[in-house]
Every structure is written in structure tokens, then in C-alpha cells.
Amino acid sequence: MLERVIVIDPDVMNGTPCFRGTRVPFKNLIDYLEGGHSLGEFLLQFPTVTREMAVQALEEAKDSLLARIA
């Protein structure tokens, strides 16, 4: 199993869920997508996040949501 890409560390952004190894909150990705922006636009604005990280984060969020509602 892959290491989780979204982590919570009280010493990074006050425990806001962020992409591993960055200070980029996962919520930023969701906000970009909700605002009608593309994944590519998000990645241009946050170059420390790779496409693979973003896709894995969305998959983790999907899995978590499906587990909660199942």
C-alpha cells in the first residue's frame, strides 16, 4: 500500500491536512476544483505538489467518503 499523501502534523500549518512534505493544504485542491479550475492550474500554482500526489489525494478522499457512507 502506498504511503498516505495527505498528512496532519500539528507542527505544519497548525495541523491542517496538507500534502506530505509540503505546506499546501488539501483544501486548496478541493477549492480549485470547486471553483471550476483544472488540476493543471492547481499544479502550476503549487509546484511542490505533483500530479501523482494530487490524484492519490483525491483517491484517498474518495475512499474515506465511501467508507463513511457505506
N, C-alpha and C. Protein backbone atom coordinates (compact mmCIF):
# COMPACT_ATOMS: atom_id res chain seq x y z
N MET A 1 0.84 -1.19 0.00
CA MET A 1 0.00 0.00 0.00
C MET A 1 0.88 1.25 0.00
N LEU A 2 0.44 2.24 -0.73
CA LEU A 2 1.17 3.50 -0.79
C LEU A 2 1.04 4.25 0.52
N GLU A 3 2.08 5.02 0.83
CA GLU A 3 2.04 5.89 2.00
C GLU A 3 1.02 7.00 1.73
N ARG A 4 0.25 7.34 2.74
CA ARG A 4 -0.75 8.40 2.56
C ARG A 4 -0.08 9.70 2.13
N VAL A 5 -0.72 10.39 1.22
CA VAL A 5 -0.17 11.64 0.70
C VAL A 5 -0.70 12.85 1.48
N ILE A 6 -1.84 12.70 2.14
CA ILE A 6 -2.39 13.77 2.96
C ILE A 6 -2.07 13.44 4.42
N VAL A 7 -1.38 14.36 5.07
CA VAL A 7 -0.95 14.14 6.45
C VAL A 7 -1.39 15.30 7.33
N ILE A 8 -1.52 14.99 8.61
CA ILE A 8 -1.83 16.01 9.61
C ILE A 8 -0.68 16.03 10.60
N ASP A 9 -0.02 17.17 10.69
CA ASP A 9 1.10 17.35 11.60
C ASP A 9 0.86 18.64 12.36
N PRO A 10 0.75 18.58 13.69
CA PRO A 10 0.47 19.79 14.45
C PRO A 10 1.53 20.88 14.26
N ASP A 11 2.73 20.51 13.81
CA ASP A 11 3.79 21.48 13.59
C ASP A 11 3.78 22.09 12.19
N VAL A 12 2.88 21.61 11.34
CA VAL A 12 2.79 22.14 9.97
C VAL A 12 1.39 22.70 9.78
N MET A 13 1.31 23.98 9.53
CA MET A 13 0.04 24.67 9.27
C MET A 13 -1.00 24.39 10.37
N ASN A 14 -0.52 24.33 11.62
CA ASN A 14 -1.40 24.11 12.78
C ASN A 14 -2.27 22.86 12.65
N GLY A 15 -1.74 21.83 12.02
CA GLY A 15 -2.46 20.57 11.92
C GLY A 15 -3.46 20.49 10.78
N THR A 16 -3.46 21.46 9.89
CA THR A 16 -4.32 21.42 8.71
C THR A 16 -3.87 20.26 7.82
N PRO A 17 -4.78 19.45 7.31
CA PRO A 17 -4.38 18.37 6.41
C PRO A 17 -3.67 18.92 5.16
N CYS A 18 -2.42 18.52 4.98
CA CYS A 18 -1.59 19.03 3.88
C CYS A 18 -1.00 17.87 3.08
N PHE A 19 -0.55 18.21 1.89
CA PHE A 19 0.18 17.24 1.08
C PHE A 19 1.51 16.94 1.77
N ARG A 20 1.83 15.65 1.87
CA ARG A 20 3.06 15.21 2.55
C ARG A 20 4.27 15.98 2.00
N GLY A 21 5.10 16.48 2.91
CA GLY A 21 6.34 17.16 2.52
C GLY A 21 6.14 18.59 2.05
N THR A 22 4.91 19.11 2.16
CA THR A 22 4.65 20.48 1.72
C THR A 22 3.87 21.21 2.82
N ARG A 23 3.61 22.48 2.57
CA ARG A 23 2.73 23.27 3.43
C ARG A 23 1.45 23.62 2.65
N VAL A 24 1.13 22.81 1.67
CA VAL A 24 -0.04 23.05 0.81
C VAL A 24 -1.23 22.27 1.38
N PRO A 25 -2.26 22.99 1.87
CA PRO A 25 -3.44 22.29 2.39
C PRO A 25 -4.20 21.54 1.28
N PHE A 26 -4.69 20.36 1.61
CA PHE A 26 -5.51 19.58 0.67
C PHE A 26 -6.73 20.39 0.26
N LYS A 27 -7.28 21.19 1.18
CA LYS A 27 -8.45 22.00 0.88
C LYS A 27 -8.21 22.93 -0.31
N ASN A 28 -6.98 23.36 -0.51
CA ASN A 28 -6.69 24.22 -1.66
C ASN A 28 -7.03 23.51 -2.97
N LEU A 29 -6.71 22.22 -3.06
CA LEU A 29 -7.04 21.45 -4.26
C LEU A 29 -8.54 21.38 -4.45
N ILE A 30 -9.26 21.06 -3.37
CA ILE A 30 -10.72 20.98 -3.47
C ILE A 30 -11.30 22.33 -3.87
N ASP A 31 -10.82 23.41 -3.27
CA ASP A 31 -11.31 24.75 -3.61
C ASP A 31 -11.06 25.09 -5.09
N TYR A 32 -9.89 24.74 -5.60
CA TYR A 32 -9.60 24.98 -7.02
C TYR A 32 -10.58 24.24 -7.91
N LEU A 33 -10.78 22.97 -7.62
CA LEU A 33 -11.68 22.17 -8.45
C LEU A 33 -13.12 22.66 -8.34
N GLU A 34 -13.56 23.00 -7.13
CA GLU A 34 -14.92 23.54 -6.94
C GLU A 34 -15.10 24.86 -7.69
N GLY A 35 -14.02 25.62 -7.79
CA GLY A 35 -14.09 26.91 -8.48
C GLY A 35 -14.05 26.79 -9.99
N GLY A 36 -14.00 25.57 -10.50
CA GLY A 36 -14.01 25.37 -11.94
C GLY A 36 -12.63 25.37 -12.57
N HIS A 37 -11.60 25.40 -11.75
CA HIS A 37 -10.24 25.39 -12.28
C HIS A 37 -9.81 23.95 -12.53
N SER A 38 -8.84 23.80 -13.38
CA SER A 38 -8.36 22.46 -13.71
C SER A 38 -7.27 22.01 -12.73
N LEU A 39 -7.03 20.73 -12.74
CA LEU A 39 -5.94 20.18 -11.94
C LEU A 39 -4.62 20.80 -12.38
N GLY A 40 -4.47 21.00 -13.68
CA GLY A 40 -3.26 21.62 -14.21
C GLY A 40 -3.02 23.01 -13.66
N GLU A 41 -4.09 23.80 -13.53
CA GLU A 41 -3.96 25.14 -12.97
C GLU A 41 -3.50 25.07 -11.51
N PHE A 42 -4.09 24.14 -10.76
CA PHE A 42 -3.69 23.96 -9.37
C PHE A 42 -2.20 23.62 -9.30
N LEU A 43 -1.77 22.69 -10.13
CA LEU A 43 -0.38 22.25 -10.10
C LEU A 43 0.59 23.37 -10.47
N LEU A 44 0.16 24.26 -11.36
CA LEU A 44 1.00 25.41 -11.70
C LEU A 44 1.15 26.36 -10.52
N GLN A 45 0.09 26.52 -9.75
CA GLN A 45 0.13 27.42 -8.60
C GLN A 45 0.86 26.82 -7.40
N PHE A 46 0.89 25.50 -7.32
CA PHE A 46 1.51 24.81 -6.19
C PHE A 46 2.49 23.76 -6.71
N PRO A 47 3.66 24.22 -7.19
CA PRO A 47 4.60 23.31 -7.85
C PRO A 47 5.22 22.25 -6.94
N THR A 48 5.06 22.37 -5.61
CA THR A 48 5.58 21.33 -4.72
C THR A 48 4.68 20.11 -4.69
N VAL A 49 3.48 20.22 -5.27
CA VAL A 49 2.55 19.10 -5.36
C VAL A 49 2.64 18.52 -6.77
N THR A 50 2.88 17.22 -6.86
CA THR A 50 2.95 16.57 -8.17
C THR A 50 1.56 16.10 -8.58
N ARG A 51 1.41 15.83 -9.86
CA ARG A 51 0.15 15.29 -10.37
C ARG A 51 -0.19 13.97 -9.66
N GLU A 52 0.81 13.13 -9.46
CA GLU A 52 0.58 11.85 -8.78
C GLU A 52 0.08 12.07 -7.36
N MET A 53 0.65 13.04 -6.65
CA MET A 53 0.21 13.35 -5.29
C MET A 53 -1.25 13.81 -5.29
N ALA A 54 -1.59 14.69 -6.22
CA ALA A 54 -2.96 15.21 -6.27
C ALA A 54 -3.96 14.10 -6.57
N VAL A 55 -3.64 13.25 -7.52
CA VAL A 55 -4.55 12.15 -7.87
C VAL A 55 -4.68 11.19 -6.69
N GLN A 56 -3.57 10.86 -6.05
CA GLN A 56 -3.64 9.96 -4.89
C GLN A 56 -4.46 10.60 -3.77
N ALA A 57 -4.31 11.89 -3.55
CA ALA A 57 -5.08 12.58 -2.51
C ALA A 57 -6.58 12.50 -2.80
N LEU A 58 -6.96 12.70 -4.04
CA LEU A 58 -8.37 12.61 -4.41
C LEU A 58 -8.89 11.19 -4.22
N GLU A 59 -8.06 10.20 -4.54
CA GLU A 59 -8.45 8.81 -4.33
C GLU A 59 -8.62 8.50 -2.85
N GLU A 60 -7.72 9.03 -2.02
CA GLU A 60 -7.82 8.84 -0.57
C GLU A 60 -9.11 9.47 -0.05
N ALA A 61 -9.42 10.66 -0.53
CA ALA A 61 -10.63 11.35 -0.09
C ALA A 61 -11.87 10.57 -0.52
N LYS A 62 -11.86 10.05 -1.73
CA LYS A 62 -12.98 9.25 -2.23
C LYS A 62 -13.17 8.01 -1.38
N ASP A 63 -12.08 7.31 -1.12
CA ASP A 63 -12.16 6.09 -0.31
C ASP A 63 -12.68 6.39 1.08
N SER A 64 -12.22 7.48 1.67
CA SER A 64 -12.67 7.86 3.01
C SER A 64 -14.16 8.18 3.01
N LEU A 65 -14.61 8.91 2.02
CA LEU A 65 -16.02 9.27 1.93
C LEU A 65 -16.88 8.03 1.74
N LEU A 66 -16.48 7.15 0.83
CA LEU A 66 -17.26 5.94 0.58
C LEU A 66 -17.31 5.05 1.81
N ALA A 67 -16.22 5.00 2.58
CA ALA A 67 -16.21 4.20 3.81
C ALA A 67 -17.17 4.78 4.85
N ARG A 68 -17.28 6.10 4.88
CA ARG A 68 -18.16 6.76 5.86
C ARG A 68 -19.63 6.57 5.53
N ILE A 69 -19.96 6.53 4.26
CA ILE A 69 -21.39 6.46 3.89
C ILE A 69 -21.86 5.04 3.64
N ALA A 70 -20.94 4.09 3.60
CA ALA A 70 -21.30 2.69 3.31
C ALA A 70 -21.93 2.03 4.53
